[in-house]
């Protein structure tokens, strides 16, 4: 068991808390807030209450998302812009989803959101976004809305590389993108369009709605 007692998380969201593995600095341990899946199920619509409690847990949703066709088909290229998943690990604070922690010279990589707020849309980050887009089109990786705080900026060979650290999975009510490449392409293009809308919204000072 991994002992996290006394260790401060490096990030915390509405659903999970993120810790750096005490013995392996390049591993992130994501732990669901205690009792959250049960609370979400209780507050869900009646038809969603028919689902298992696990389906309300981001860790188990992440596990399922990492089993999608795009990841199984593109074993090498897929990791160019995606943090690896190492399975579940038992910790002193509960079960953790273990993923690759992206580092820059030993320091946890910052998010695209923080980069944009600090530097704006530089040519370097524009090139990184374009490369990321092309990779999405080639791999047809299914994600939820691609938000800048779910992408980190890695420095690599004098260039910047975007990597997804959260938000995998298909958010369509009908899961056609999981079954057919035609629908997957349409789905991915929509995610790319929404990503740009969100980036522009962030840079505009978040005026109005981003969608």
Protein backbone atom coordinates (compact mmCIF):
# COMPACT_ATOMS: atom_id res chain seq x y z
CA UNK A 1 0.00 0.00 0.00
CA UNK A 2 1.22 3.51 -0.82
CA UNK A 3 1.33 5.75 2.26
CA UNK A 4 0.09 9.26 1.49
CA UNK A 5 -0.38 10.37 5.09
CA UNK A 6 1.04 13.85 5.59
CA UNK A 7 1.61 14.42 1.85
CA UNK A 8 -0.02 17.50 0.37
CA UNK A 9 -1.88 17.15 -2.95
CA UNK A 10 -0.52 19.18 -5.86
CA UNK A 11 -3.97 19.67 -7.41
CA UNK A 12 -7.62 19.27 -6.47
CA UNK A 13 -10.76 19.33 -8.59
CA UNK A 14 -14.43 18.92 -7.91
CA UNK A 15 -14.26 15.13 -8.17
CA UNK A 16 -10.68 14.06 -7.41
CA UNK A 17 -7.53 14.98 -5.51
CA UNK A 18 -4.12 14.51 -7.15
CA UNK A 19 -0.94 13.40 -5.35
CA UNK A 20 2.57 12.84 -6.59
CA UNK A 21 3.66 9.28 -5.88
CA UNK A 22 6.13 9.48 -2.96
CA UNK A 23 8.51 6.93 -4.51
CA UNK A 24 7.96 7.46 -8.24
CA UNK A 25 7.84 11.17 -9.04
CA UNK A 26 6.53 10.60 -12.57
CA UNK A 27 3.29 8.98 -11.36
CA UNK A 28 0.14 10.88 -10.42
CA UNK A 29 -2.29 9.29 -7.95
CA UNK A 30 -5.87 10.47 -8.43
CA UNK A 31 -8.21 9.79 -5.53
CA UNK A 32 -11.97 10.36 -5.67
CA UNK A 33 -13.40 12.57 -2.94
CA UNK A 34 -14.75 10.23 -0.22
CA UNK A 35 -18.46 9.54 -0.57
CA UNK A 36 -18.79 11.53 -3.81
CA UNK A 37 -20.03 8.71 -6.11
CA UNK A 38 -22.79 7.83 -3.64
CA UNK A 39 -23.78 11.50 -3.35
CA UNK A 40 -23.85 11.98 -7.13
CA UNK A 41 -25.99 8.88 -7.62
CA UNK A 42 -28.42 10.05 -4.96
CA UNK A 43 -28.79 13.43 -6.67
CA UNK A 44 -28.99 12.01 -10.22
CA UNK A 45 -32.08 11.79 -12.42
CA UNK A 46 -34.22 8.70 -11.87
CA UNK A 47 -32.97 6.90 -14.99
CA UNK A 48 -29.34 7.52 -14.02
CA UNK A 49 -29.99 5.98 -10.61
CA UNK A 50 -30.29 2.65 -12.45
CA UNK A 51 -26.54 2.78 -13.10
CA UNK A 52 -23.97 1.32 -10.71
CA UNK A 53 -22.28 3.56 -8.15
CA UNK A 54 -18.98 2.95 -9.93
CA UNK A 55 -20.33 4.75 -13.01
CA UNK A 56 -20.37 7.97 -10.95
CA UNK A 57 -16.70 7.56 -9.99
CA UNK A 58 -14.21 9.38 -12.25
CA UNK A 59 -11.55 6.76 -11.53
CA UNK A 60 -13.64 3.94 -12.99
CA UNK A 61 -14.78 6.12 -15.88
CA UNK A 62 -11.11 6.84 -16.57
CA UNK A 63 -10.32 3.11 -16.55
CA UNK A 64 -13.04 2.49 -19.15
CA UNK A 65 -11.90 5.42 -21.29
CA UNK A 66 -8.36 4.05 -21.45
CA UNK A 67 -9.77 0.82 -22.91
CA UNK A 68 -11.19 2.55 -26.00
CA UNK A 69 -10.37 1.41 -29.53
CA UNK A 70 -8.11 4.37 -30.40
CA UNK A 71 -5.71 3.50 -27.57
CA UNK A 72 -5.63 -0.19 -28.40
CA UNK A 73 -5.03 0.47 -32.10
CA UNK A 74 -2.29 3.13 -31.84
CA UNK A 75 0.02 1.69 -29.21
CA UNK A 76 3.04 3.91 -29.96
CA UNK A 77 1.71 7.13 -31.44
CA UNK A 78 -1.15 7.41 -28.96
CA UNK A 79 1.21 8.35 -26.12
CA UNK A 80 2.64 11.33 -27.99
CA UNK A 81 -0.09 13.52 -26.51
CA UNK A 82 -1.66 11.35 -23.82
CA UNK A 83 -0.55 10.56 -20.28
CA UNK A 84 -0.19 6.82 -19.72
CA UNK A 85 -2.46 4.92 -17.34
CA UNK A 86 -0.94 2.44 -14.87
CA UNK A 87 -4.08 0.97 -13.33
CA UNK A 88 -5.45 1.21 -9.81
CA UNK A 89 -3.19 1.48 -6.77
CA UNK A 90 -4.12 1.04 -3.12
CA UNK A 91 -3.18 4.00 -0.93
CA UNK A 92 -3.72 5.00 2.68
CA UNK A 93 -6.39 7.45 1.44
CA UNK A 94 -8.24 4.99 -0.77
CA UNK A 95 -7.98 3.52 -4.25
CA UNK A 96 -6.12 5.73 -6.71
CA UNK A 97 -6.09 5.86 -10.49
CA UNK A 98 -2.39 6.00 -11.37
CA UNK A 99 -1.41 7.98 -14.45
CA UNK A 100 1.77 9.40 -15.91
CA UNK A 101 2.74 12.68 -14.27
CA UNK A 102 4.24 14.98 -16.91
CA UNK A 103 7.39 16.71 -15.68
CA UNK A 104 9.62 19.47 -17.03
CA UNK A 105 13.11 19.14 -15.55
CA UNK A 106 11.62 17.37 -12.54
CA UNK A 107 8.90 19.99 -12.02
CA UNK A 108 5.23 19.16 -12.57
CA UNK A 109 4.23 20.56 -15.96
CA UNK A 110 1.81 23.48 -15.95
CA UNK A 111 -1.54 23.41 -17.71
CA UNK A 112 -2.34 25.00 -21.04
CA UNK A 113 -4.73 27.24 -19.13
CA UNK A 114 -1.97 28.65 -16.94
CA UNK A 115 0.33 29.04 -19.98
CA UNK A 116 -2.28 31.05 -21.90
CA UNK A 117 -3.01 33.30 -18.95
CA UNK A 118 0.72 33.97 -18.48
CA UNK A 119 2.03 34.22 -22.05
CA UNK A 120 -0.99 34.41 -24.34
CA UNK A 121 -1.25 32.53 -27.62
CA UNK A 122 2.41 32.49 -28.65
CA UNK A 123 3.66 30.98 -31.89
CA UNK A 124 5.17 28.09 -29.92
CA UNK A 125 1.89 27.20 -28.27
CA UNK A 126 0.00 27.68 -31.54
CA UNK A 127 2.33 25.13 -33.17
CA UNK A 128 1.74 22.78 -30.23
CA UNK A 129 -2.05 23.12 -30.59
CA UNK A 130 -1.86 22.46 -34.34
CA UNK A 131 0.25 19.34 -33.78
CA UNK A 132 -2.19 18.16 -31.10
CA UNK A 133 -5.13 18.66 -33.49
CA UNK A 134 -3.46 16.60 -36.20
CA UNK A 135 -2.79 13.80 -33.72
CA UNK A 136 -6.46 13.80 -32.66
CA UNK A 137 -7.53 13.43 -36.29
CA UNK A 138 -5.07 10.60 -36.89
CA UNK A 139 -5.83 8.60 -33.76
CA UNK A 140 -9.54 9.47 -33.35
CA UNK A 141 -9.10 9.47 -29.59
CA UNK A 142 -12.45 10.11 -27.94
CA UNK A 143 -12.46 12.80 -25.28
CA UNK A 144 -15.00 14.88 -23.50
CA UNK A 145 -14.76 18.63 -24.10
CA UNK A 146 -11.04 19.43 -24.30
CA UNK A 147 -10.51 22.05 -21.60
CA UNK A 148 -7.19 23.91 -21.22
CA UNK A 149 -6.87 22.82 -17.59
CA UNK A 150 -6.98 19.16 -18.73
CA UNK A 151 -3.95 19.65 -21.00
CA UNK A 152 -0.40 20.19 -19.76
CA UNK A 153 2.48 21.80 -21.62
CA UNK A 154 5.61 19.66 -21.86
CA UNK A 155 8.95 21.09 -23.01
CA UNK A 156 10.56 18.64 -25.41
CA UNK A 157 13.45 19.11 -27.86
CA UNK A 158 13.14 22.92 -27.85
CA UNK A 159 9.41 22.67 -28.63
CA UNK A 160 6.19 22.54 -26.65
CA UNK A 161 3.98 19.44 -26.59
CA UNK A 162 0.42 19.23 -25.28
CA UNK A 163 -0.60 16.14 -23.32
CA UNK A 164 -4.06 15.13 -22.10
CA UNK A 165 -4.13 14.37 -18.39
CA UNK A 166 -7.90 14.14 -17.85
CA UNK A 167 -11.24 14.18 -19.65
CA UNK A 168 -11.11 10.98 -21.73
CA UNK A 169 -14.24 9.26 -22.93
CA UNK A 170 -17.21 9.78 -25.22
CA UNK A 171 -19.82 12.26 -24.02
CA UNK A 172 -22.39 11.49 -26.73
CA UNK A 173 -25.69 10.11 -25.48
CA UNK A 174 -25.63 7.62 -28.36
CA UNK A 175 -22.20 5.99 -28.37
CA UNK A 176 -21.91 5.82 -32.17
CA UNK A 177 -18.38 7.34 -32.18
CA UNK A 178 -17.21 4.29 -30.24
CA UNK A 179 -18.52 1.97 -32.94
CA UNK A 180 -17.88 3.70 -36.25
CA UNK A 181 -14.99 5.82 -37.57
CA UNK A 182 -17.34 8.05 -39.59
CA UNK A 183 -19.06 9.19 -36.40
CA UNK A 184 -15.75 9.26 -34.54
CA UNK A 185 -14.33 11.76 -37.06
CA UNK A 186 -17.36 14.01 -36.73
CA UNK A 187 -17.15 13.74 -32.96
CA UNK A 188 -13.42 14.58 -32.87
CA UNK A 189 -13.89 17.60 -35.18
CA UNK A 190 -16.58 18.90 -32.85
CA UNK A 191 -14.23 18.51 -29.86
CA UNK A 192 -11.53 20.44 -31.75
CA UNK A 193 -13.95 23.28 -32.57
CA UNK A 194 -15.05 23.46 -28.94
CA UNK A 195 -11.43 23.43 -27.77
CA UNK A 196 -10.73 26.55 -29.83
CA UNK A 197 -13.90 28.19 -28.54
CA UNK A 198 -12.78 27.54 -24.99
CA UNK A 199 -9.26 28.86 -25.64
CA UNK A 200 -10.65 32.04 -27.22
CA UNK A 201 -13.05 32.43 -24.31
CA UNK A 202 -10.21 32.13 -21.79
CA UNK A 203 -8.11 34.69 -23.68
CA UNK A 204 -11.03 37.11 -23.96
CA UNK A 205 -11.40 37.29 -20.18
CA UNK A 206 -14.21 34.74 -20.15
CA UNK A 207 -16.90 37.07 -21.42
CA UNK A 208 -20.27 35.48 -22.13
CA UNK A 209 -20.53 31.75 -22.85
CA UNK A 210 -17.75 29.74 -24.44
CA UNK A 211 -19.84 27.16 -26.33
